[in-house]
C-alpha atoms as a PDB file:
ATOM      1  CA  UNK A   1     -11.927  17.224  15.155  1.00  0.00           C
ATOM      2  CA  UNK A   2     -15.172  15.240  14.634  1.00  0.00           C
ATOM      3  CA  UNK A   3     -15.968  12.208  16.908  1.00  0.00           C
ATOM      4  CA  UNK A   4     -16.036   9.979  13.819  1.00  0.00           C
ATOM      5  CA  UNK A   5     -13.740  10.794  10.890  1.00  0.00           C
ATOM      6  CA  UNK A   6     -15.251   9.939   7.534  1.00  0.00           C
ATOM      7  CA  UNK A   7     -13.277   9.388   4.320  1.00  0.00           C
ATOM      8  CA  UNK A   8     -14.553  12.811   3.180  1.00  0.00           C
ATOM      9  CA  UNK A   9     -13.092  14.351   6.358  1.00  0.00           C
ATOM     10  CA  UNK A  10      -9.914  12.544   5.797  1.00  0.00           C
ATOM     11  CA  UNK A  11      -9.577  13.812   2.193  1.00  0.00           C
ATOM     12  CA  UNK A  12     -10.248  17.390   3.462  1.00  0.00           C
ATOM     13  CA  UNK A  13      -7.488  16.978   6.090  1.00  0.00           C
ATOM     14  CA  UNK A  14      -5.058  15.775   3.427  1.00  0.00           C
ATOM     15  CA  UNK A  15      -5.950  18.615   1.091  1.00  0.00           C
ATOM     16  CA  UNK A  16      -5.567  21.242   3.846  1.00  0.00           C
ATOM     17  CA  UNK A  17      -2.192  19.930   5.113  1.00  0.00           C
ATOM     18  CA  UNK A  18       0.636  22.245   3.919  1.00  0.00           C
ATOM     19  CA  UNK A  19       3.452  19.970   5.301  1.00  0.00           C
ATOM     20  CA  UNK A  20       2.889  16.830   3.105  1.00  0.00           C
ATOM     21  CA  UNK A  21       1.623  14.545   5.880  1.00  0.00           C
ATOM     22  CA  UNK A  22      -0.503  11.550   5.087  1.00  0.00           C
ATOM     23  CA  UNK A  23      -3.703  10.961   7.040  1.00  0.00           C
ATOM     24  CA  UNK A  24      -5.119   7.425   7.148  1.00  0.00           C
ATOM     25  CA  UNK A  25      -7.839   5.602   9.157  1.00  0.00           C
ATOM     26  CA  UNK A  26      -8.290   1.980   9.952  1.00  0.00           C
ATOM     27  CA  UNK A  27     -11.736   0.434   9.487  1.00  0.00           C
ATOM     28  CA  UNK A  28     -12.208   0.830  13.192  1.00  0.00           C
ATOM     29  CA  UNK A  29     -11.640   4.559  12.897  1.00  0.00           C
ATOM     30  CA  UNK A  30      -8.149   4.775  14.336  1.00  0.00           C
ATOM     31  CA  UNK A  31      -6.460   7.868  12.826  1.00  0.00           C
ATOM     32  CA  UNK A  32      -2.748   7.689  11.779  1.00  0.00           C
ATOM     33  CA  UNK A  33      -0.766  10.771  10.798  1.00  0.00           C
ATOM     34  CA  UNK A  34       2.411   9.873   8.853  1.00  0.00           C
ATOM     35  CA  UNK A  35       5.163  12.467   8.180  1.00  0.00           C
ATOM     36  CA  UNK A  36       6.121  13.149   4.537  1.00  0.00           C
ATOM     37  CA  UNK A  37       8.472  10.516   3.141  1.00  0.00           C
ATOM     38  CA  UNK A  38      12.142  11.197   2.959  1.00  0.00           C
ATOM     39  CA  UNK A  39      14.446  10.927  -0.117  1.00  0.00           C
ATOM     40  CA  UNK A  40      15.324   7.251   0.444  1.00  0.00           C
ATOM     41  CA  UNK A  41      11.655   6.386   0.591  1.00  0.00           C
ATOM     42  CA  UNK A  42      11.144   8.103  -2.734  1.00  0.00           C
ATOM     43  CA  UNK A  43      14.073   6.365  -4.423  1.00  0.00           C
ATOM     44  CA  UNK A  44      12.762   3.007  -3.273  1.00  0.00           C
ATOM     45  CA  UNK A  45       9.304   3.781  -4.667  1.00  0.00           C
ATOM     46  CA  UNK A  46      10.878   4.946  -7.918  1.00  0.00           C
ATOM     47  CA  UNK A  47      13.000   1.859  -8.301  1.00  0.00           C
ATOM     48  CA  UNK A  48       9.947  -0.351  -7.825  1.00  0.00           C
ATOM     49  CA  UNK A  49       7.947   1.606 -10.211  1.00  0.00           C
ATOM     50  CA  UNK A  50      10.685   1.546 -12.850  1.00  0.00           C
ATOM     51  CA  UNK A  51      11.055  -2.275 -12.399  1.00  0.00           C
ATOM     52  CA  UNK A  52       7.281  -2.678 -12.918  1.00  0.00           C
ATOM     53  CA  UNK A  53       7.026  -0.360 -15.902  1.00  0.00           C
ATOM     54  CA  UNK A  54      10.113  -1.781 -17.642  1.00  0.00           C
ATOM     55  CA  UNK A  55       8.558  -5.198 -17.355  1.00  0.00           C
ATOM     56  CA  UNK A  56       5.403  -4.057 -19.120  1.00  0.00           C
ATOM     57  CA  UNK A  57       2.946  -3.234 -16.378  1.00  0.00           C
ATOM     58  CA  UNK A  58       0.658  -0.504 -17.952  1.00  0.00           C
ATOM     59  CA  UNK A  59       1.354   2.832 -16.337  1.00  0.00           C
ATOM     60  CA  UNK A  60      -2.443   3.342 -15.931  1.00  0.00           C
ATOM     61  CA  UNK A  61      -2.470   0.224 -13.680  1.00  0.00           C
ATOM     62  CA  UNK A  62       0.310   1.407 -11.334  1.00  0.00           C
ATOM     63  CA  UNK A  63      -0.211   4.155  -8.807  1.00  0.00           C
ATOM     64  CA  UNK A  64       1.792   5.938  -6.166  1.00  0.00           C
ATOM     65  CA  UNK A  65      -0.014   7.080  -2.940  1.00  0.00           C
ATOM     66  CA  UNK A  66      -3.568   6.438  -4.240  1.00  0.00           C
ATOM     67  CA  UNK A  67      -6.233   6.249  -1.524  1.00  0.00           C
ATOM     68  CA  UNK A  68      -7.971   2.891  -1.071  1.00  0.00           C
ATOM     69  CA  UNK A  69     -11.132   2.285   0.734  1.00  0.00           C
ATOM     70  CA  UNK A  70     -10.755  -0.508   3.310  1.00  0.00           C
ATOM     71  CA  UNK A  71     -14.265  -2.004   4.163  1.00  0.00           C
ATOM     72  CA  UNK A  72     -14.831  -2.707   7.834  1.00  0.00           C
ATOM     73  CA  UNK A  73     -17.801  -3.992   9.839  1.00  0.00           C
ATOM     74  CA  UNK A  74     -18.621  -0.450  11.163  1.00  0.00           C
ATOM     75  CA  UNK A  75     -17.632   1.627   8.254  1.00  0.00           C
ATOM     76  CA  UNK A  76     -14.708   2.142   5.774  1.00  0.00           C
ATOM     77  CA  UNK A  77     -11.177   3.040   6.582  1.00  0.00           C
ATOM     78  CA  UNK A  78      -8.917   4.805   4.132  1.00  0.00           C
ATOM     79  CA  UNK A  79      -5.314   3.715   3.562  1.00  0.00           C
ATOM     80  CA  UNK A  80      -2.680   5.363   1.186  1.00  0.00           C
ATOM     81  CA  UNK A  81      -0.206   2.660   0.222  1.00  0.00           C
ATOM     82  CA  UNK A  82       3.126   3.724  -1.270  1.00  0.00           C
ATOM     83  CA  UNK A  83       2.538   1.750  -4.530  1.00  0.00           C
ATOM     84  CA  UNK A  84      -0.532  -0.181  -5.881  1.00  0.00           C
ATOM     85  CA  UNK A  85      -0.907  -2.408  -8.858  1.00  0.00           C
ATOM     86  CA  UNK A  86      -4.386  -2.842 -10.439  1.00  0.00           C
ATOM     87  CA  UNK A  87      -5.864  -5.394 -12.752  1.00  0.00           C
ATOM     88  CA  UNK A  88      -7.272  -2.612 -14.948  1.00  0.00           C
ATOM     89  CA  UNK A  89      -7.270   1.178 -15.099  1.00  0.00           C
ATOM     90  CA  UNK A  90      -9.359   2.814 -12.264  1.00  0.00           C
ATOM     91  CA  UNK A  91     -11.943   5.590 -12.483  1.00  0.00           C
ATOM     92  CA  UNK A  92     -10.864   8.887 -10.999  1.00  0.00           C
ATOM     93  CA  UNK A  93     -11.698   8.924  -7.270  1.00  0.00           C
ATOM     94  CA  UNK A  94     -10.078   9.984  -3.977  1.00  0.00           C
ATOM     95  CA  UNK A  95     -10.781   6.578  -2.393  1.00  0.00           C
ATOM     96  CA  UNK A  96     -10.639   3.553  -4.791  1.00  0.00           C
ATOM     97  CA  UNK A  97     -12.388   0.291  -4.114  1.00  0.00           C
ATOM     98  CA  UNK A  98     -10.155  -2.730  -3.529  1.00  0.00           C
ATOM     99  CA  UNK A  99     -12.086  -4.783  -6.154  1.00  0.00           C
ATOM    100  CA  UNK A 100      -9.465  -4.649  -8.989  1.00  0.00           C
ATOM    101  CA  UNK A 101      -6.374  -4.261  -6.695  1.00  0.00           C
ATOM    102  CA  UNK A 102      -3.673  -6.885  -7.127  1.00  0.00           C
ATOM    103  CA  UNK A 103      -0.889  -5.566  -4.909  1.00  0.00           C
ATOM    104  CA  UNK A 104      -0.142  -2.999  -2.340  1.00  0.00           C
ATOM    105  CA  UNK A 105       3.350  -2.003  -1.331  1.00  0.00           C
ATOM    106  CA  UNK A 106       4.310  -0.153   1.869  1.00  0.00           C
ATOM    107  CA  UNK A 107       7.901   1.214   2.381  1.00  0.00           C
ATOM    108  CA  UNK A 108       8.200   1.061   6.096  1.00  0.00           C
ATOM    109  CA  UNK A 109       9.366   4.288   7.638  1.00  0.00           C
ATOM    110  CA  UNK A 110      10.517   4.824  11.176  1.00  0.00           C
ATOM    111  CA  UNK A 111       7.531   5.089  13.399  1.00  0.00           C
ATOM    112  CA  UNK A 112       5.127   3.254  10.995  1.00  0.00           C
ATOM    113  CA  UNK A 113       6.501  -0.206  11.631  1.00  0.00           C
ATOM    114  CA  UNK A 114       3.552  -1.499  13.779  1.00  0.00           C
ATOM    115  CA  UNK A 115       0.912  -0.129  11.308  1.00  0.00           C
ATOM    116  CA  UNK A 116       2.755  -1.420   8.203  1.00  0.00           C
ATOM    117  CA  UNK A 117       3.815  -4.705   9.575  1.00  0.00           C
ATOM    118  CA  UNK A 118       0.897  -5.639  11.748  1.00  0.00           C
ATOM    119  CA  UNK A 119      -2.255  -3.614  11.330  1.00  0.00           C
ATOM    120  CA  UNK A 120      -2.122  -3.307   7.494  1.00  0.00           C
ATOM    121  CA  UNK A 121      -1.250  -7.011   7.143  1.00  0.00           C
ATOM    122  CA  UNK A 122      -4.629  -7.869   8.822  1.00  0.00           C
ATOM    123  CA  UNK A 123      -6.610  -5.001   7.195  1.00  0.00           C
ATOM    124  CA  UNK A 124      -5.485  -5.700   3.620  1.00  0.00           C
ATOM    125  CA  UNK A 125      -6.016  -9.462   4.062  1.00  0.00           C
ATOM    126  CA  UNK A 126      -9.556  -8.878   5.369  1.00  0.00           C
ATOM    127  CA  UNK A 127     -10.176  -6.622   2.406  1.00  0.00           C
ATOM    128  CA  UNK A 128      -9.206  -9.488   0.068  1.00  0.00           C
ATOM    129  CA  UNK A 129      -6.155  -7.794  -1.503  1.00  0.00           C
ATOM    130  CA  UNK A 130      -4.243 -10.704  -3.221  1.00  0.00           C
ATOM    131  CA  UNK A 131      -0.765  -9.572  -2.384  1.00  0.00           C
ATOM    132  CA  UNK A 132       0.943  -7.187   0.167  1.00  0.00           C
ATOM    133  CA  UNK A 133       4.674  -6.321   0.101  1.00  0.00           C
ATOM    134  CA  UNK A 134       6.575  -4.434   2.703  1.00  0.00           C
ATOM    135  CA  UNK A 135      10.022  -2.877   2.212  1.00  0.00           C
ATOM    136  CA  UNK A 136      11.937  -2.569   5.415  1.00  0.00           C
ATOM    137  CA  UNK A 137      14.435   0.252   5.887  1.00  0.00           C
ATOM    138  CA  UNK A 138      17.217  -2.075   6.951  1.00  0.00           C
ATOM    139  CA  UNK A 139      20.660  -2.219   5.224  1.00  0.00           C
ATOM    140  CA  UNK A 140      19.393  -4.826   2.633  1.00  0.00           C
ATOM    141  CA  UNK A 141      15.992  -3.025   2.139  1.00  0.00           C
ATOM    142  CA  UNK A 142      14.365  -6.368   2.805  1.00  0.00           C
ATOM    143  CA  UNK A 143      11.189  -7.015   0.925  1.00  0.00           C
ATOM    144  CA  UNK A 144       8.642  -9.287   2.396  1.00  0.00           C
ATOM    145  CA  UNK A 145       6.058 -10.749  -0.002  1.00  0.00           C
ATOM    146  CA  UNK A 146       2.703 -11.795   1.423  1.00  0.00           C
ATOM    147  CA  UNK A 147       0.115 -13.683  -0.605  1.00  0.00           C
ATOM    148  CA  UNK A 148      -3.509 -14.120   0.525  1.00  0.00           C
ATOM    149  CA  UNK A 149      -3.979 -17.796   1.564  1.00  0.00           C
ATOM    150  CA  UNK A 150      -7.181 -19.886   1.240  1.00  0.00           C
ATOM    151  CA  UNK A 151      -8.073 -19.164   4.895  1.00  0.00           C
ATOM    152  CA  UNK A 152      -8.244 -15.420   4.148  1.00  0.00           C
ATOM    153  CA  UNK A 153      -4.989 -14.472   5.882  1.00  0.00           C
ATOM    154  CA  UNK A 154      -1.598 -13.543   4.310  1.00  0.00           C
ATOM    155  CA  UNK A 155       1.003 -16.159   4.152  1.00  0.00           C
ATOM    156  CA  UNK A 156       4.628 -15.003   3.926  1.00  0.00           C
ATOM    157  CA  UNK A 157       5.728 -16.148   0.478  1.00  0.00           C
ATOM    158  CA  UNK A 158       9.239 -14.854   0.340  1.00  0.00           C
ATOM    159  CA  UNK A 159      11.691 -12.415   1.863  1.00  0.00           C
ATOM    160  CA  UNK A 160      14.668 -10.960  -0.006  1.00  0.00           C
ATOM    161  CA  UNK A 161      16.825  -7.892  -0.379  1.00  0.00           C
ATOM    162  CA  UNK A 162      15.328  -5.282  -2.753  1.00  0.00           C
ATOM    163  CA  UNK A 163      18.338  -5.747  -5.082  1.00  0.00           C
ATOM    164  CA  UNK A 164      17.498  -9.376  -5.531  1.00  0.00           C
ATOM    165  CA  UNK A 165      13.832  -8.733  -6.186  1.00  0.00           C
ATOM    166  CA  UNK A 166      14.707  -6.165  -8.841  1.00  0.00           C
ATOM    167  CA  UNK A 167      16.744  -8.892 -10.647  1.00  0.00           C
ATOM    168  CA  UNK A 168      13.674 -11.069 -11.049  1.00  0.00           C
ATOM    169  CA  UNK A 169      10.657 -10.502 -13.388  1.00  0.00           C
ATOM    170  CA  UNK A 170       7.514  -8.982 -11.720  1.00  0.00           C
ATOM    171  CA  UNK A 171       5.473 -11.809 -13.466  1.00  0.00           C
ATOM    172  CA  UNK A 172       7.405 -14.275 -11.272  1.00  0.00           C
ATOM    173  CA  UNK A 173       5.676 -12.811  -8.233  1.00  0.00           C
ATOM    174  CA  UNK A 174       2.558 -11.314  -9.903  1.00  0.00           C
ATOM    175  CA  UNK A 175       1.193 -13.963 -12.319  1.00  0.00           C
ATOM    176  CA  UNK A 176      -2.030 -11.998 -12.528  1.00  0.00           C
ATOM    177  CA  UNK A 177      -0.306  -9.319 -14.613  1.00  0.00           C
END
């Protein structure tokens, strides 16, 4: 393993993995290895995608597990959110810039709570991503909606069960669409 893992190294590790694990790095270079998602994770992601598509979000502005480049002071990190919504279609790339990114969604898996609910909240806010949502794996599948505040940090805008969120219109939460 190299002393410093670049985004090219990370892409090679992902490509070589035969077990479906995700490899991510923070902008500070901290490597995270996440096991493949289970079936509940996949169903949650599918429900959210169907909700967004049914409401008219163009399919070429909605992605599952797309790599995003998270800028940092000493280099770039690479994160792979479960879902991402973009202001316009993106060029083909392994690591996309956050420039046109409107929303990232992370479905919290056992073992990823600290990364998804602490580290990524700070990283995504510093990167200027307007919205970040997490879906907890509790009985209600609680969705926490964060919006970037004027001070550059996320502010918790709402928290609700996934079933409630899916009864609303995406534009109620994403006016940029």
